[in-house]
Amino acid sequence: MEKKYQLLYKKMLTEIGKCWQSEKPDKDKAEDCFWIAHHYCDCIKKIARKEGFSGNDNEINFFRNVKPQFVCFLDYYV
């Protein structure tokens, strides 16, 4: 995974971890984590739209490897 996406992924995991350490009920934690994951999915989409892809290999890598690592958290918290 490219460094820009790795940094976002680490930030997302850190925020989700902090969320689960809060004193809120589990239902509220799960909802907050969903919105955290949603925010980071939007971030990677914006980067992909803004910068584009330098070739087919990079585009395939994004949709096959990068995006699923973020989207799986949306699916999990739904």
PDB file of N, CA and C in Angstrom:
ATOM      1  N   MET A   1       0.843  -1.167   0.000  1.00  0.00           N
ATOM      2  CA  MET A   1       0.000   0.000   0.000  1.00  0.00           C
ATOM      3  C   MET A   1       0.892   1.235   0.000  1.00  0.00           C
ATOM      4  N   GLU A   2       0.494   2.234  -0.775  1.00  0.00           N
ATOM      5  CA  GLU A   2       1.275   3.458  -0.842  1.00  0.00           C
ATOM      6  C   GLU A   2       1.280   4.165   0.504  1.00  0.00           C
ATOM      7  N   LYS A   3       2.338   4.928   0.731  1.00  0.00           N
ATOM      8  CA  LYS A   3       2.535   5.571   2.029  1.00  0.00           C
ATOM      9  C   LYS A   3       1.358   6.476   2.414  1.00  0.00           C
ATOM     10  N   LYS A   4       0.814   7.224   1.455  1.00  0.00           N
ATOM     11  CA  LYS A   4      -0.297   8.138   1.777  1.00  0.00           C
ATOM     12  C   LYS A   4      -1.506   7.369   2.299  1.00  0.00           C
ATOM     13  N   TYR A   5      -1.753   6.204   1.732  1.00  0.00           N
ATOM     14  CA  TYR A   5      -2.869   5.389   2.196  1.00  0.00           C
ATOM     15  C   TYR A   5      -2.532   4.679   3.506  1.00  0.00           C
ATOM     16  N   GLN A   6      -1.275   4.289   3.684  1.00  0.00           N
ATOM     17  CA  GLN A   6      -0.855   3.656   4.928  1.00  0.00           C
ATOM     18  C   GLN A   6      -1.048   4.594   6.108  1.00  0.00           C
ATOM     19  N   LEU A   7      -0.699   5.860   5.915  1.00  0.00           N
ATOM     20  CA  LEU A   7      -0.854   6.846   6.985  1.00  0.00           C
ATOM     21  C   LEU A   7      -2.320   7.022   7.351  1.00  0.00           C
ATOM     22  N   LEU A   8      -3.179   7.114   6.354  1.00  0.00           N
ATOM     23  CA  LEU A   8      -4.609   7.240   6.618  1.00  0.00           C
ATOM     24  C   LEU A   8      -5.146   5.995   7.322  1.00  0.00           C
ATOM     25  N   TYR A   9      -4.685   4.843   6.903  1.00  0.00           N
ATOM     26  CA  TYR A   9      -5.134   3.590   7.508  1.00  0.00           C
ATOM     27  C   TYR A   9      -4.741   3.528   8.983  1.00  0.00           C
ATOM     28  N   LYS A  10      -3.503   3.909   9.283  1.00  0.00           N
ATOM     29  CA  LYS A  10      -3.043   3.912  10.671  1.00  0.00           C
ATOM     30  C   LYS A  10      -3.830   4.907  11.509  1.00  0.00           C
ATOM     31  N   LYS A  11      -4.124   6.085  10.945  1.00  0.00           N
ATOM     32  CA  LYS A  11      -4.916   7.080  11.666  1.00  0.00           C
ATOM     33  C   LYS A  11      -6.320   6.547  11.946  1.00  0.00           C
ATOM     34  N   MET A  12      -6.902   5.893  10.953  1.00  0.00           N
ATOM     35  CA  MET A  12      -8.236   5.331  11.125  1.00  0.00           C
ATOM     36  C   MET A  12      -8.240   4.287  12.245  1.00  0.00           C
ATOM     37  N   LEU A  13      -7.267   3.392  12.233  1.00  0.00           N
ATOM     38  CA  LEU A  13      -7.195   2.361  13.265  1.00  0.00           C
ATOM     39  C   LEU A  13      -6.990   2.968  14.648  1.00  0.00           C
ATOM     40  N   THR A  14      -6.199   4.011  14.719  1.00  0.00           N
ATOM     41  CA  THR A  14      -5.965   4.695  15.994  1.00  0.00           C
ATOM     42  C   THR A  14      -7.251   5.318  16.510  1.00  0.00           C
ATOM     43  N   GLU A  15      -7.984   5.993  15.638  1.00  0.00           N
ATOM     44  CA  GLU A  15      -9.246   6.608  16.049  1.00  0.00           C
ATOM     45  C   GLU A  15     -10.269   5.562  16.476  1.00  0.00           C
ATOM     46  N   ILE A  16     -10.342   4.465  15.744  1.00  0.00           N
ATOM     47  CA  ILE A  16     -11.274   3.404  16.106  1.00  0.00           C
ATOM     48  C   ILE A  16     -10.888   2.799  17.458  1.00  0.00           C
ATOM     49  N   GLY A  17      -9.605   2.610  17.679  1.00  0.00           N
ATOM     50  CA  GLY A  17      -9.135   2.085  18.964  1.00  0.00           C
ATOM     51  C   GLY A  17      -9.495   3.008  20.115  1.00  0.00           C
ATOM     52  N   LYS A  18      -9.315   4.307  19.924  1.00  0.00           N
ATOM     53  CA  LYS A  18      -9.674   5.276  20.968  1.00  0.00           C
ATOM     54  C   LYS A  18     -11.175   5.273  21.212  1.00  0.00           C
ATOM     55  N   CYS A  19     -11.920   5.118  20.144  1.00  0.00           N
ATOM     56  CA  CYS A  19     -13.373   5.094  20.260  1.00  0.00           C
ATOM     57  C   CYS A  19     -13.820   3.941  21.153  1.00  0.00           C
ATOM     58  N   TRP A  20     -13.233   2.765  20.977  1.00  0.00           N
ATOM     59  CA  TRP A  20     -13.633   1.598  21.755  1.00  0.00           C
ATOM     60  C   TRP A  20     -13.178   1.689  23.201  1.00  0.00           C
ATOM     61  N   GLN A  21     -12.252   2.579  23.506  1.00  0.00           N
ATOM     62  CA  GLN A  21     -11.808   2.746  24.887  1.00  0.00           C
ATOM     63  C   GLN A  21     -12.666   3.750  25.659  1.00  0.00           C
ATOM     64  N   SER A  22     -13.593   4.386  24.979  1.00  0.00           N
ATOM     65  CA  SER A  22     -14.449   5.368  25.641  1.00  0.00           C
ATOM     66  C   SER A  22     -15.459   4.668  26.561  1.00  0.00           C
ATOM     67  N   GLU A  23     -16.130   5.446  27.332  1.00  0.00           N
ATOM     68  CA  GLU A  23     -17.092   4.922  28.303  1.00  0.00           C
ATOM     69  C   GLU A  23     -18.513   4.832  27.734  1.00  0.00           C
ATOM     70  N   LYS A  24     -18.686   5.070  26.478  1.00  0.00           N
ATOM     71  CA  LYS A  24     -20.008   5.041  25.857  1.00  0.00           C
ATOM     72  C   LYS A  24     -20.532   3.607  25.774  1.00  0.00           C
ATOM     73  N   PRO A  25     -21.850   3.464  25.609  1.00  0.00           N
ATOM     74  CA  PRO A  25     -22.406   2.124  25.356  1.00  0.00           C
ATOM     75  C   PRO A  25     -21.881   1.569  24.014  1.00  0.00           C
ATOM     76  N   ASP A  26     -21.840   0.253  23.905  1.00  0.00           N
ATOM     77  CA  ASP A  26     -21.292  -0.391  22.710  1.00  0.00           C
ATOM     78  C   ASP A  26     -22.001   0.050  21.427  1.00  0.00           C
ATOM     79  N   LYS A  27     -23.304   0.240  21.503  1.00  0.00           N
ATOM     80  CA  LYS A  27     -24.059   0.668  20.322  1.00  0.00           C
ATOM     81  C   LYS A  27     -23.543   2.020  19.816  1.00  0.00           C
ATOM     82  N   ASP A  28     -23.309   2.944  20.737  1.00  0.00           N
ATOM     83  CA  ASP A  28     -22.795   4.268  20.356  1.00  0.00           C
ATOM     84  C   ASP A  28     -21.364   4.178  19.830  1.00  0.00           C
ATOM     85  N   LYS A  29     -20.568   3.311  20.430  1.00  0.00           N
ATOM     86  CA  LYS A  29     -19.193   3.117  19.957  1.00  0.00           C
ATOM     87  C   LYS A  29     -19.188   2.602  18.518  1.00  0.00           C
ATOM     88  N   ALA A  30     -20.042   1.618  18.252  1.00  0.00           N
ATOM     89  CA  ALA A  30     -20.106   1.045  16.905  1.00  0.00           C
ATOM     90  C   ALA A  30     -20.545   2.091  15.893  1.00  0.00           C
ATOM     91  N   GLU A  31     -21.510   2.918  16.272  1.00  0.00           N
ATOM     92  CA  GLU A  31     -21.963   3.970  15.364  1.00  0.00           C
ATOM     93  C   GLU A  31     -20.853   4.991  15.116  1.00  0.00           C
ATOM     94  N   ASP A  32     -20.156   5.384  16.160  1.00  0.00           N
ATOM     95  CA  ASP A  32     -19.042   6.325  16.008  1.00  0.00           C
ATOM     96  C   ASP A  32     -17.946   5.740  15.119  1.00  0.00           C
ATOM     97  N   CYS A  33     -17.662   4.456  15.310  1.00  0.00           N
ATOM     98  CA  CYS A  33     -16.636   3.798  14.494  1.00  0.00           C
ATOM     99  C   CYS A  33     -17.057   3.719  13.031  1.00  0.00           C
ATOM    100  N   PHE A  34     -18.341   3.503  12.798  1.00  0.00           N
ATOM    101  CA  PHE A  34     -18.840   3.521  11.423  1.00  0.00           C
ATOM    102  C   PHE A  34     -18.539   4.864  10.772  1.00  0.00           C
ATOM    103  N   TRP A  35     -18.820   5.951  11.485  1.00  0.00           N
ATOM    104  CA  TRP A  35     -18.597   7.286  10.911  1.00  0.00           C
ATOM    105  C   TRP A  35     -17.120   7.601  10.746  1.00  0.00           C
ATOM    106  N   ILE A  36     -16.293   7.064  11.613  1.00  0.00           N
ATOM    107  CA  ILE A  36     -14.839   7.215  11.447  1.00  0.00           C
ATOM    108  C   ILE A  36     -14.411   6.521  10.160  1.00  0.00           C
ATOM    109  N   ALA A  37     -14.850   5.276   9.977  1.00  0.00           N
ATOM    110  CA  ALA A  37     -14.509   4.522   8.760  1.00  0.00           C
ATOM    111  C   ALA A  37     -15.058   5.224   7.525  1.00  0.00           C
ATOM    112  N   HIS A  38     -16.245   5.752   7.614  1.00  0.00           N
ATOM    113  CA  HIS A  38     -16.868   6.479   6.497  1.00  0.00           C
ATOM    114  C   HIS A  38     -16.015   7.680   6.108  1.00  0.00           C
ATOM    115  N   HIS A  39     -15.554   8.418   7.099  1.00  0.00           N
ATOM    116  CA  HIS A  39     -14.701   9.588   6.847  1.00  0.00           C
ATOM    117  C   HIS A  39     -13.429   9.188   6.090  1.00  0.00           C
ATOM    118  N   TYR A  40     -12.778   8.128   6.541  1.00  0.00           N
ATOM    119  CA  TYR A  40     -11.529   7.720   5.894  1.00  0.00           C
ATOM    120  C   TYR A  40     -11.762   7.123   4.509  1.00  0.00           C
ATOM    121  N   CYS A  41     -12.889   6.481   4.294  1.00  0.00           N
ATOM    122  CA  CYS A  41     -13.229   6.014   2.941  1.00  0.00           C
ATOM    123  C   CYS A  41     -13.398   7.207   2.003  1.00  0.00           C
ATOM    124  N   ASP A  42     -14.047   8.244   2.500  1.00  0.00           N
ATOM    125  CA  ASP A  42     -14.175   9.462   1.695  1.00  0.00           C
ATOM    126  C   ASP A  42     -12.813  10.071   1.388  1.00  0.00           C
ATOM    127  N   CYS A  43     -11.920  10.041   2.361  1.00  0.00           N
ATOM    128  CA  CYS A  43     -10.573  10.601   2.163  1.00  0.00           C
ATOM    129  C   CYS A  43      -9.821   9.884   1.045  1.00  0.00           C
ATOM    130  N   ILE A  44      -9.857   8.550   1.054  1.00  0.00           N
ATOM    131  CA  ILE A  44      -9.116   7.836   0.006  1.00  0.00           C
ATOM    132  C   ILE A  44      -9.765   8.043  -1.356  1.00  0.00           C
ATOM    133  N   LYS A  45     -11.082   8.170  -1.398  1.00  0.00           N
ATOM    134  CA  LYS A  45     -11.762   8.435  -2.669  1.00  0.00           C
ATOM    135  C   LYS A  45     -11.359   9.796  -3.217  1.00  0.00           C
ATOM    136  N   LYS A  46     -11.287  10.798  -2.333  1.00  0.00           N
ATOM    137  CA  LYS A  46     -10.890  12.144  -2.763  1.00  0.00           C
ATOM    138  C   LYS A  46      -9.469  12.146  -3.301  1.00  0.00           C
ATOM    139  N   ILE A  47      -8.584  11.430  -2.634  1.00  0.00           N
ATOM    140  CA  ILE A  47      -7.201  11.348  -3.102  1.00  0.00           C
ATOM    141  C   ILE A  47      -7.154  10.690  -4.476  1.00  0.00           C
ATOM    142  N   ALA A  48      -7.874   9.587  -4.632  1.00  0.00           N
ATOM    143  CA  ALA A  48      -7.875   8.868  -5.907  1.00  0.00           C
ATOM    144  C   ALA A  48      -8.436   9.742  -7.032  1.00  0.00           C
ATOM    145  N   ARG A  49      -9.498  10.492  -6.747  1.00  0.00           N
ATOM    146  CA  ARG A  49     -10.073  11.373  -7.774  1.00  0.00           C
ATOM    147  C   ARG A  49      -9.132  12.514  -8.119  1.00  0.00           C
ATOM    148  N   LYS A  50      -8.531  13.098  -7.101  1.00  0.00           N
ATOM    149  CA  LYS A  50      -7.663  14.256  -7.312  1.00  0.00           C
ATOM    150  C   LYS A  50      -6.379  13.884  -8.058  1.00  0.00           C
ATOM    151  N   GLU A  51      -5.736  12.813  -7.609  1.00  0.00           N
ATOM    152  CA  GLU A  51      -4.438  12.442  -8.169  1.00  0.00           C
ATOM    153  C   GLU A  51      -4.546  11.501  -9.366  1.00  0.00           C
ATOM    154  N   GLY A  52      -5.636  10.766  -9.437  1.00  0.00           N
ATOM    155  CA  GLY A  52      -5.771   9.797 -10.520  1.00  0.00           C
ATOM    156  C   GLY A  52      -4.804   8.641 -10.318  1.00  0.00           C
ATOM    157  N   PHE A  53      -4.626   7.860 -11.359  1.00  0.00           N
ATOM    158  CA  PHE A  53      -3.739   6.701 -11.299  1.00  0.00           C
ATOM    159  C   PHE A  53      -2.715   6.817 -12.415  1.00  0.00           C
ATOM    160  N   SER A  54      -1.469   6.486 -12.087  1.00  0.00           N
ATOM    161  CA  SER A  54      -0.393   6.609 -13.066  1.00  0.00           C
ATOM    162  C   SER A  54      -0.409   5.486 -14.098  1.00  0.00           C
ATOM    163  N   GLY A  55      -1.181   4.481 -13.853  1.00  0.00           N
ATOM    164  CA  GLY A  55      -1.281   3.371 -14.802  1.00  0.00           C
ATOM    165  C   GLY A  55      -2.327   2.381 -14.355  1.00  0.00           C
ATOM    166  N   ASN A  56      -2.566   1.417 -15.227  1.00  0.00           N
ATOM    167  CA  ASN A  56      -3.566   0.397 -14.900  1.00  0.00           C
ATOM    168  C   ASN A  56      -3.199  -0.398 -13.656  1.00  0.00           C
ATOM    169  N   ASP A  57      -1.902  -0.663 -13.474  1.00  0.00           N
ATOM    170  CA  ASP A  57      -1.470  -1.438 -12.313  1.00  0.00           C
ATOM    171  C   ASP A  57      -1.804  -0.731 -11.007  1.00  0.00           C
ATOM    172  N   ASN A  58      -1.595   0.592 -10.972  1.00  0.00           N
ATOM    173  CA  ASN A  58      -1.912   1.355  -9.766  1.00  0.00           C
ATOM    174  C   ASN A  58      -3.409   1.394  -9.505  1.00  0.00           C
ATOM    175  N   GLU A  59      -4.182   1.512 -10.564  1.00  0.00           N
ATOM    176  CA  GLU A  59      -5.634   1.536 -10.411  1.00  0.00           C
ATOM    177  C   GLU A  59      -6.152   0.187  -9.914  1.00  0.00           C
ATOM    178  N   ILE A  60      -5.643  -0.880 -10.490  1.00  0.00           N
ATOM    179  CA  ILE A  60      -6.034  -2.222 -10.061  1.00  0.00           C
ATOM    180  C   ILE A  60      -5.643  -2.445  -8.609  1.00  0.00           C
ATOM    181  N   ASN A  61      -4.437  -2.024  -8.236  1.00  0.00           N
ATOM    182  CA  ASN A  61      -3.973  -2.164  -6.855  1.00  0.00           C
ATOM    183  C   ASN A  61      -4.888  -1.408  -5.893  1.00  0.00           C
ATOM    184  N   PHE A  62      -5.298  -0.211  -6.276  1.00  0.00           N
ATOM    185  CA  PHE A  62      -6.176   0.584  -5.415  1.00  0.00           C
ATOM    186  C   PHE A  62      -7.486  -0.149  -5.164  1.00  0.00           C
ATOM    187  N   PHE A  63      -8.136  -0.598  -6.224  1.00  0.00           N
ATOM    188  CA  PHE A  63      -9.453  -1.224  -6.076  1.00  0.00           C
ATOM    189  C   PHE A  63      -9.388  -2.651  -5.532  1.00  0.00           C
ATOM    190  N   ARG A  64      -8.275  -3.312  -5.726  1.00  0.00           N
ATOM    191  CA  ARG A  64      -8.147  -4.693  -5.265  1.00  0.00           C
ATOM    192  C   ARG A  64      -7.598  -4.775  -3.838  1.00  0.00           C
ATOM    193  N   ASN A  65      -6.711  -3.856  -3.476  1.00  0.00           N
ATOM    194  CA  ASN A  65      -6.018  -3.979  -2.192  1.00  0.00           C
ATOM    195  C   ASN A  65      -6.278  -2.842  -1.204  1.00  0.00           C
ATOM    196  N   VAL A  66      -6.234  -1.606  -1.682  1.00  0.00           N
ATOM    197  CA  VAL A  66      -6.323  -0.456  -0.778  1.00  0.00           C
ATOM    198  C   VAL A  66      -7.759  -0.218  -0.323  1.00  0.00           C
ATOM    199  N   LYS A  67      -8.647  -0.009  -1.259  1.00  0.00           N
ATOM    200  CA  LYS A  67     -10.030   0.341  -0.921  1.00  0.00           C
ATOM    201  C   LYS A  67     -10.699  -0.713  -0.026  1.00  0.00           C
ATOM    202  N   PRO A  68     -10.545  -2.007  -0.305  1.00  0.00           N
ATOM    203  CA  PRO A  68     -11.191  -3.006   0.563  1.00  0.00           C
ATOM    204  C   PRO A  68     -10.740  -2.958   2.025  1.00  0.00           C
ATOM    205  N   GLN A  69      -9.495  -2.542   2.259  1.00  0.00           N
ATOM    206  CA  GLN A  69      -9.008  -2.466   3.636  1.00  0.00           C
ATOM    207  C   GLN A  69      -9.734  -1.382   4.429  1.00  0.00           C
ATOM    208  N   PHE A  70     -10.243  -0.370   3.755  1.00  0.00           N
ATOM    209  CA  PHE A  70     -11.000   0.685   4.411  1.00  0.00           C
ATOM    210  C   PHE A  70     -12.486   0.331   4.460  1.00  0.00           C
ATOM    211  N   VAL A  71     -13.008  -0.139   3.352  1.00  0.00           N
ATOM    212  CA  VAL A  71     -14.436  -0.420   3.237  1.00  0.00           C
ATOM    213  C   VAL A  71     -14.866  -1.568   4.156  1.00  0.00           C
ATOM    214  N   CYS A  72     -13.986  -2.484   4.441  1.00  0.00           N
ATOM    215  CA  CYS A  72     -14.361  -3.610   5.306  1.00  0.00           C
ATOM    216  C   CYS A  72     -14.803  -3.128   6.683  1.00  0.00           C
ATOM    217  N   PHE A  73     -14.274  -2.001   7.150  1.00  0.00           N
ATOM    218  CA  PHE A  73     -14.710  -1.464   8.431  1.00  0.00           C
ATOM    219  C   PHE A  73     -16.131  -0.912   8.340  1.00  0.00           C
ATOM    220  N   LEU A  74     -16.482  -0.329   7.208  1.00  0.00           N
ATOM    221  CA  LEU A  74     -17.866   0.112   7.019  1.00  0.00           C
ATOM    222  C   LEU A  74     -18.801  -1.088   7.102  1.00  0.00           C
ATOM    223  N   ASP A  75     -18.462  -2.135   6.386  1.00  0.00           N
ATOM    224  CA  ASP A  75     -19.282  -3.353   6.391  1.00  0.00           C
ATOM    225  C   ASP A  75     -19.399  -3.937   7.793  1.00  0.00           C
ATOM    226  N   TYR A  76     -18.301  -3.955   8.503  1.00  0.00           N
ATOM    227  CA  TYR A  76     -18.282  -4.532   9.849  1.00  0.00           C
ATOM    228  C   TYR A  76     -19.203  -3.770  10.794  1.00  0.00           C
ATOM    229  N   TYR A  77     -19.133  -2.450  10.745  1.00  0.00           N
ATOM    230  CA  TYR A  77     -19.928  -1.656  11.687  1.00  0.00           C
ATOM    231  C   TYR A  77     -21.369  -1.468  11.251  1.00  0.00           C
ATOM    232  N   VAL A  78     -21.715  -1.857  10.043  1.00  0.00           N
ATOM    233  CA  VAL A  78     -23.121  -1.836   9.637  1.00  0.00           C
ATOM    234  C   VAL A  78     -23.811  -2.986  10.316  1.00  0.00           C
TER     235      VAL A  78
END
